[in-house]
Amino acid sequence: METQTIVPWEVDELVDDFFIPEYIENLGIEVLQYYSFSVQSMQVITTKPDKGGAIWKLETNEGPKSLKLLHRRPTRSLFSLGAQEYLVDVQGARVPAIVPTKDGTNYVEAGDKLWFVAEWIEPLQPVSKDLDGAKHLCLALGEFHRLSKGYIPPKQAEIASRLHKWPKNYEKTIAKMDWFRNISKAYDEMPASVPLLNVIDKFEEQARTSLERLNQSCYLDLVQQGNQYWGLVHQDYGWSNGQMGADGMWIIDLDGVAFDLPIRDLRKLISGTMADLYRWDAKWVREMILAYHEANPITSQLYEILMIDLSLPNEFYKNIKEVVYEPELFLNDQTTQLIQTIVETDQTKWPVLNEIQHDWEGME
């Protein structure tokens, strides 16, 4: 099909969150001609205007479905589509099944992007925002990781693997601290500049210590086992992408999956959950790790890597990195408050990590 290349679009206060440019809507309608079901209605559910992606809910004569416009490069999207197919068709995971086109392929290419249709799972609802809900999420995550082992991507897909990138990732965190420091000095009249300068040294020191620990750990031995051995991480897993269905937990939105050590997803879930609590809680962390372990056993070596990854100043880095783009907008009073919250939460992290550090010794 002859089509205009899909590009990210501008969103402003005059446009609602579900705005999608007309040419993309039209492309979506063309894409649906490649399927054997007939569509009664299309409703925009999510948009990613800054990247050029979207999801629609379809009501069809064969039940509800989702239409997804994947914003990544087509070769990268092939990797995640292959993973979704492997998880459902080979492993029987609770992941939405891809609906094939009339000629049996699992996607349509249009606008230099890949589009696909999947089953819409109903009913689905988020788990409760308490320890019980967190344990459900962790158990489902462990199951997802276990079932993703052995995935071999399609020949024409690019291999998305973060397995060997951890040291570089840590080094980048350390390097960005210096950027934050220089920006704070350059914009020293802004409200958040001094509060930011006051805490950078401490967080930079944490990141340096984490990198030293990683370099002295069994990390290099673990990654030698390779992509298929470890399987996939979701990369964006949380309370919205792991939801409870009639027959158990479902995992959705797999377009960012990549090969990696599985506990990277668990680390993100734990540090994000503690940030939501505004304090670290040893009982929560222990029970989340145990729930995960029940579905995908954690060795003492993997536990060591999890502890190191939790020691990195993840929440500080995640929240402050925006300063690089628009310092004069970012360094405001709100950011001063944010920095204070991050520092206070971080102070509760270290007693918890010290308490649970040796929980797993001798566990295999």
Protein backbone atom coordinates (compact mmCIF):
# COMPACT_ATOMS: atom_id res chain seq x y z
CA MET A 1 0.00 0.00 0.00
CA GLU A 2 1.30 3.48 -0.96
CA THR A 3 1.34 5.48 2.25
CA GLN A 4 2.71 8.53 3.96
CA THR A 5 5.39 7.75 6.55
CA ILE A 6 4.01 7.93 10.10
CA VAL A 7 5.75 10.52 12.26
CA PRO A 8 5.18 11.74 15.87
CA TRP A 9 2.59 14.48 16.18
CA GLU A 10 2.24 17.63 18.26
CA VAL A 11 -0.25 17.75 21.10
CA ASP A 12 -1.28 21.00 22.79
CA GLU A 13 -3.99 22.12 25.21
CA LEU A 14 -6.42 22.66 22.31
CA VAL A 15 -6.29 18.96 21.42
CA ASP A 16 -7.63 16.16 23.59
CA ASP A 17 -5.46 13.25 24.70
CA PHE A 18 -7.02 10.92 22.16
CA PHE A 19 -6.25 13.03 19.10
CA ILE A 20 -4.75 11.10 16.18
CA PRO A 21 -3.89 12.76 12.83
CA GLU A 22 -6.43 11.99 10.12
CA TYR A 23 -3.95 10.30 7.78
CA ILE A 24 -3.12 7.78 10.54
CA GLU A 25 -6.84 7.12 11.22
CA ASN A 26 -7.30 6.50 7.48
CA LEU A 27 -4.31 4.16 7.40
CA GLY A 28 -5.82 2.22 10.30
CA ILE A 29 -9.04 1.75 8.33
CA GLU A 30 -7.00 0.54 5.31
CA VAL A 31 -5.03 -1.88 7.50
CA LEU A 32 -8.28 -3.47 8.73
CA GLN A 33 -9.16 -4.45 5.15
CA TYR A 34 -6.47 -7.14 5.48
CA TYR A 35 -8.52 -8.99 8.12
CA SER A 36 -11.49 -11.28 7.66
CA PHE A 37 -13.64 -9.85 10.51
CA SER A 38 -15.89 -6.82 9.98
CA VAL A 39 -15.51 -3.79 12.25
CA GLN A 40 -18.54 -2.17 13.86
CA SER A 41 -16.66 0.52 15.79
CA MET A 42 -13.15 1.85 16.51
CA GLN A 43 -12.31 3.70 19.70
CA VAL A 44 -8.93 5.28 20.53
CA ILE A 45 -7.67 3.89 23.86
CA THR A 46 -4.09 5.19 24.07
CA THR A 47 -1.84 7.43 22.01
CA LYS A 48 1.92 7.99 22.03
CA PRO A 49 2.10 11.26 20.07
CA ASP A 50 5.76 11.87 20.94
CA LYS A 51 6.68 8.52 19.36
CA GLY A 52 3.95 7.99 16.77
CA GLY A 53 2.03 5.05 18.24
CA ALA A 54 -1.60 4.29 19.14
CA ILE A 55 -4.06 1.60 20.29
CA TRP A 56 -7.73 1.30 19.29
CA LYS A 57 -10.40 -0.98 20.71
CA LEU A 58 -12.42 -2.62 17.92
CA GLU A 59 -15.91 -4.03 18.19
CA THR A 60 -16.14 -6.71 15.50
CA ASN A 61 -18.43 -9.54 14.42
CA GLU A 62 -15.87 -11.87 16.03
CA GLY A 63 -15.80 -10.11 19.42
CA PRO A 64 -13.68 -7.23 20.79
CA LYS A 65 -10.13 -6.82 19.51
CA SER A 66 -7.32 -4.28 19.72
CA LEU A 67 -5.57 -2.62 16.79
CA LYS A 68 -2.06 -1.45 17.57
CA LEU A 69 0.21 0.88 15.64
CA LEU A 70 3.73 0.07 16.86
CA HIS A 71 5.98 3.12 17.01
CA ARG A 72 9.34 1.34 16.83
CA ARG A 73 11.36 0.40 13.74
CA PRO A 74 9.67 -2.45 11.86
CA THR A 75 12.61 -4.84 12.44
CA ARG A 76 12.40 -4.10 16.21
CA SER A 77 8.61 -4.58 16.16
CA LEU A 78 9.09 -7.98 14.49
CA PHE A 79 11.08 -9.02 17.55
CA SER A 80 8.22 -8.23 19.95
CA LEU A 81 5.53 -9.71 17.67
CA GLY A 82 7.54 -12.95 17.46
CA ALA A 83 7.80 -12.94 21.26
CA GLN A 84 4.06 -12.46 21.69
CA GLU A 85 3.36 -15.33 19.31
CA TYR A 86 5.90 -17.60 21.08
CA LEU A 87 4.45 -16.86 24.51
CA VAL A 88 0.87 -17.61 23.43
CA ASP A 89 1.22 -20.36 20.82
CA VAL A 90 4.20 -22.29 22.20
CA GLN A 91 4.12 -21.55 25.93
CA GLY A 92 0.41 -20.96 26.61
CA ALA A 93 1.08 -17.72 28.51
CA ARG A 94 -1.76 -15.41 29.51
CA VAL A 95 -0.83 -12.83 26.90
CA PRO A 96 -3.33 -11.61 24.24
CA ALA A 97 -3.22 -13.77 21.11
CA ILE A 98 -2.36 -12.09 17.80
CA VAL A 99 -5.13 -12.29 15.17
CA PRO A 100 -3.69 -13.28 11.78
CA THR A 101 -4.50 -11.41 8.56
CA LYS A 102 -6.42 -13.09 5.70
CA ASP A 103 -3.10 -14.41 4.35
CA GLY A 104 -1.91 -15.68 7.73
CA THR A 105 0.70 -13.06 8.68
CA ASN A 106 0.75 -11.53 12.15
CA TYR A 107 1.06 -7.88 11.08
CA VAL A 108 0.44 -5.35 8.30
CA GLU A 109 3.11 -2.83 7.28
CA ALA A 110 1.81 0.68 6.55
CA GLY A 111 3.36 4.13 6.89
CA ASP A 112 6.77 2.48 7.49
CA LYS A 113 5.43 1.01 10.75
CA LEU A 114 3.95 -2.34 11.75
CA TRP A 115 0.30 -2.69 12.77
CA PHE A 116 -1.28 -5.76 14.33
CA VAL A 117 -4.56 -6.94 15.80
CA ALA A 118 -4.83 -8.93 19.04
CA GLU A 119 -7.68 -10.38 21.07
CA TRP A 120 -9.17 -7.93 23.58
CA ILE A 121 -9.23 -9.69 26.94
CA GLU A 122 -12.34 -9.05 29.05
CA PRO A 123 -12.85 -8.64 31.91
CA LEU A 124 -9.47 -7.23 33.03
CA GLN A 125 -8.87 -5.03 36.03
CA PRO A 126 -5.85 -3.71 37.91
CA VAL A 127 -4.98 -5.51 41.13
CA SER A 128 -5.39 -3.67 44.44
CA LYS A 129 -2.64 -1.17 45.31
CA ASP A 130 -1.59 -3.05 48.43
CA LEU A 131 0.90 -5.79 49.32
CA ASP A 132 -1.50 -8.49 48.12
CA GLY A 133 -1.77 -6.78 44.72
CA ALA A 134 2.02 -6.33 44.54
CA LYS A 135 2.49 -10.07 45.18
CA HIS A 136 0.03 -10.93 42.37
CA LEU A 137 2.05 -8.71 40.04
CA CYS A 138 5.35 -10.33 41.06
CA LEU A 139 4.06 -13.88 40.70
CA ALA A 140 2.70 -13.08 37.21
CA LEU A 141 6.01 -11.44 36.28
CA GLY A 142 7.98 -14.50 37.36
CA GLU A 143 5.69 -16.72 35.31
CA PHE A 144 6.10 -14.45 32.27
CA HIS A 145 9.90 -14.57 32.56
CA ARG A 146 9.96 -18.35 32.97
CA LEU A 147 7.71 -18.90 29.94
CA SER A 148 9.74 -16.50 27.77
CA LYS A 149 12.91 -18.59 28.03
CA GLY A 150 13.97 -20.26 24.80
CA TYR A 151 12.47 -17.59 22.51
CA ILE A 152 14.20 -17.45 19.13
CA PRO A 153 13.32 -14.27 17.18
CA PRO A 154 12.23 -14.35 13.50
CA LYS A 155 15.17 -14.29 11.07
CA GLN A 156 14.48 -10.78 9.79
CA ALA A 157 13.99 -9.25 13.27
CA GLU A 158 16.70 -7.23 14.98
CA ILE A 159 17.78 -8.78 18.26
CA ALA A 160 16.77 -6.59 21.19
CA SER A 161 19.08 -7.58 24.03
CA ARG A 162 20.13 -5.60 27.10
CA LEU A 163 21.97 -8.55 28.64
CA HIS A 164 25.50 -7.16 28.20
CA LYS A 165 24.60 -3.49 28.69
CA TRP A 166 24.41 -3.19 32.47
CA PRO A 167 27.90 -1.69 33.07
CA LYS A 168 27.33 0.88 30.28
CA ASN A 169 23.93 1.66 31.78
CA TYR A 170 25.50 2.30 35.20
CA GLU A 171 28.28 4.40 33.62
CA LYS A 172 25.66 6.50 31.85
CA THR A 173 23.92 7.18 35.17
CA ILE A 174 27.24 8.38 36.65
CA ALA A 175 28.03 10.53 33.58
CA LYS A 176 24.59 12.19 33.67
CA MET A 177 25.17 13.26 37.30
CA ASP A 178 27.85 15.57 35.98
CA TRP A 179 25.41 16.94 33.41
CA PHE A 180 22.90 17.62 36.19
CA ARG A 181 25.63 19.39 38.19
CA ASN A 182 26.68 21.61 35.27
CA ILE A 183 23.08 22.50 34.38
CA SER A 184 22.32 23.40 38.02
CA LYS A 185 25.34 25.74 38.05
CA ALA A 186 24.41 27.31 34.70
CA TYR A 187 20.83 27.98 35.88
CA ASP A 188 21.75 28.91 39.44
CA GLU A 189 18.95 31.49 39.68
CA MET A 190 16.25 28.82 39.34
CA PRO A 191 14.45 27.63 42.53
CA ALA A 192 15.54 23.96 42.30
CA SER A 193 19.19 24.54 41.30
CA VAL A 194 20.71 24.75 44.78
CA PRO A 195 18.64 21.87 46.23
CA LEU A 196 19.75 19.74 43.25
CA LEU A 197 23.41 20.72 43.63
CA ASN A 198 23.25 19.85 47.33
CA VAL A 199 22.31 16.20 46.68
CA ILE A 200 24.13 15.30 43.44
CA ASP A 201 27.40 14.29 45.16
CA LYS A 202 25.60 11.80 47.39
CA PHE A 203 23.70 10.14 44.51
CA GLU A 204 26.79 10.11 42.28
CA GLU A 205 28.69 8.33 45.05
CA GLN A 206 25.88 5.74 45.31
CA ALA A 207 26.05 5.12 41.55
CA ARG A 208 29.86 4.72 41.64
CA THR A 209 29.61 2.20 44.47
CA SER A 210 26.90 0.26 42.58
CA LEU A 211 29.13 0.09 39.48
CA GLU A 212 32.09 -1.17 41.55
CA ARG A 213 29.87 -3.84 43.09
CA LEU A 214 28.55 -4.87 39.67
CA ASN A 215 32.09 -5.17 38.29
CA GLN A 216 33.10 -7.37 41.23
CA SER A 217 29.96 -9.53 41.08
CA CYS A 218 29.12 -12.68 39.10
CA TYR A 219 27.33 -10.51 36.48
CA LEU A 220 29.72 -11.42 33.63
CA ASP A 221 29.40 -15.14 34.38
CA LEU A 222 25.61 -14.91 34.39
CA VAL A 223 25.31 -13.11 31.05
CA GLN A 224 27.53 -15.72 29.39
CA GLN A 225 24.51 -18.07 29.61
CA GLY A 226 23.00 -16.11 26.72
CA ASN A 227 19.68 -14.67 25.56
CA GLN A 228 17.64 -17.86 25.22
CA TYR A 229 18.67 -19.06 28.68
CA TRP A 230 17.41 -15.93 30.43
CA GLY A 231 14.45 -15.04 28.24
CA LEU A 232 12.67 -11.71 27.99
CA VAL A 233 12.00 -8.74 30.21
CA HIS A 234 8.86 -6.64 29.67
CA GLN A 235 10.66 -3.32 30.38
CA ASP A 236 7.48 -1.44 31.21
CA TYR A 237 5.76 -3.73 33.70
CA GLY A 238 3.53 -2.43 36.45
CA TRP A 239 0.02 -1.96 37.77
CA SER A 240 -1.44 -1.18 34.32
CA ASN A 241 0.34 -3.88 32.26
CA GLY A 242 -0.28 -6.77 34.63
CA GLN A 243 -4.03 -7.14 35.22
CA MET A 244 -6.39 -9.69 36.72
CA GLY A 245 -8.69 -11.60 34.38
CA ALA A 246 -11.31 -14.27 34.98
CA ASP A 247 -8.69 -17.05 34.92
CA GLY A 248 -5.68 -15.32 36.51
CA MET A 249 -3.19 -12.54 35.75
CA TRP A 250 -2.68 -11.35 32.19
CA ILE A 251 0.30 -9.40 30.85
CA ILE A 252 -0.31 -6.85 28.11
CA ASP A 253 1.60 -4.28 26.01
CA LEU A 254 4.59 -6.37 25.03
CA ASP A 255 6.01 -4.09 22.35
CA GLY A 256 9.10 -3.17 24.41
CA VAL A 257 10.23 -6.70 25.33
CA ALA A 258 13.96 -7.45 25.18
CA PHE A 259 16.38 -10.15 26.30
CA ASP A 260 17.86 -9.35 29.73
CA LEU A 261 18.45 -10.67 33.22
CA PRO A 262 14.86 -11.07 34.44
CA ILE A 263 15.35 -9.33 37.77
CA ARG A 264 15.65 -5.97 35.99
CA ASP A 265 11.82 -5.94 35.70
CA LEU A 266 11.49 -7.00 39.34
CA ARG A 267 13.87 -4.23 40.44
CA LYS A 268 11.84 -1.59 38.57
CA LEU A 269 8.63 -2.89 40.12
CA ILE A 270 10.08 -2.85 43.64
CA SER A 271 11.69 0.61 43.42
CA GLY A 272 8.59 2.09 41.77
CA THR A 273 6.30 0.57 44.42
CA MET A 274 8.49 1.89 47.26
CA ALA A 275 8.43 5.36 45.62
CA ASP A 276 4.60 5.18 45.64
CA LEU A 277 4.69 4.31 49.36
CA TYR A 278 7.13 7.22 50.02
CA ARG A 279 9.21 4.82 52.12
CA TRP A 280 10.99 1.49 51.82
CA ASP A 281 9.41 -1.39 53.69
CA ALA A 282 11.36 -4.63 54.32
CA LYS A 283 8.19 -6.75 54.59
CA TRP A 284 6.91 -5.56 51.20
CA VAL A 285 10.27 -6.06 49.47
CA ARG A 286 10.79 -9.53 50.94
CA GLU A 287 7.27 -10.70 50.06
CA MET A 288 7.47 -9.30 46.52
CA ILE A 289 10.75 -11.15 45.95
CA LEU A 290 9.34 -14.39 47.42
CA ALA A 291 6.19 -14.17 45.25
CA TYR A 292 8.38 -13.75 42.16
CA HIS A 293 10.69 -16.59 43.28
CA GLU A 294 7.70 -18.94 43.54
CA ALA A 295 7.13 -18.65 39.78
CA ASN A 296 10.72 -18.17 38.56
CA PRO A 297 13.31 -19.27 41.13
CA ILE A 298 16.03 -16.72 42.00
CA THR A 299 19.53 -18.09 42.73
CA SER A 300 21.81 -16.44 45.29
CA GLN A 301 23.86 -15.02 42.39
CA LEU A 302 20.82 -13.42 40.77
CA TYR A 303 19.75 -12.10 44.18
CA GLU A 304 23.15 -10.40 44.52
CA ILE A 305 22.58 -8.63 41.17
CA LEU A 306 19.08 -7.59 42.30
CA MET A 307 20.55 -6.06 45.48
CA ILE A 308 23.16 -4.17 43.43
CA ASP A 309 20.53 -2.87 41.00
CA LEU A 310 18.34 -1.72 43.90
CA SER A 311 21.33 0.19 45.30
CA LEU A 312 21.62 2.36 42.19
CA PRO A 313 19.92 5.80 42.59
CA ASN A 314 17.19 4.71 40.16
CA GLU A 315 14.38 7.01 41.28
CA PHE A 316 16.63 10.08 41.46
CA TYR A 317 17.97 9.45 37.96
CA LYS A 318 14.55 8.62 36.48
CA ASN A 319 12.93 11.78 37.84
CA ILE A 320 15.76 14.27 37.31
CA LYS A 321 16.96 13.32 33.80
CA GLU A 322 14.26 15.55 32.26
CA VAL A 323 16.32 18.57 33.38
CA VAL A 324 18.55 18.05 30.35
CA TYR A 325 15.76 19.02 27.92
CA GLU A 326 14.22 22.17 29.39
CA PRO A 327 16.15 23.30 32.47
CA GLU A 328 14.32 26.62 32.78
CA LEU A 329 10.95 24.83 32.95
CA PHE A 330 12.15 21.90 35.04
CA LEU A 331 14.09 23.63 37.83
CA ASN A 332 10.99 25.03 39.55
CA ASP A 333 9.54 24.89 43.08
CA GLN A 334 7.76 21.64 42.29
CA THR A 335 11.11 20.00 41.50
CA THR A 336 12.51 21.29 44.82
CA GLN A 337 9.69 19.39 46.55
CA LEU A 338 10.31 16.32 44.35
CA ILE A 339 14.02 16.29 45.28
CA GLN A 340 13.14 16.47 48.97
CA THR A 341 10.71 13.53 48.62
CA ILE A 342 13.30 11.45 46.74
CA VAL A 343 15.95 12.17 49.40
CA GLU A 344 13.60 11.30 52.26
CA THR A 345 12.50 8.06 50.57
CA ASP A 346 16.12 7.18 49.78
CA GLN A 347 17.05 7.49 53.46
CA THR A 348 14.59 4.68 54.25
CA LYS A 349 16.04 2.46 51.48
CA TRP A 350 19.44 1.71 53.04
CA PRO A 351 18.27 0.15 56.34
CA VAL A 352 15.95 -2.12 54.29
CA LEU A 353 18.68 -3.18 51.83
CA ASN A 354 21.04 -3.86 54.75
CA GLU A 355 18.38 -5.94 56.48
CA ILE A 356 17.59 -8.12 53.46
CA GLN A 357 21.11 -8.25 51.96
CA HIS A 358 21.92 -11.73 53.30
CA ASP A 359 18.44 -13.31 53.01
CA TRP A 360 19.41 -15.41 50.02
CA GLU A 361 22.87 -16.66 50.95
CA GLY A 362 23.17 -20.36 50.25
CA MET A 363 19.87 -20.38 48.26
CA GLU A 364 20.05 -22.26 44.97
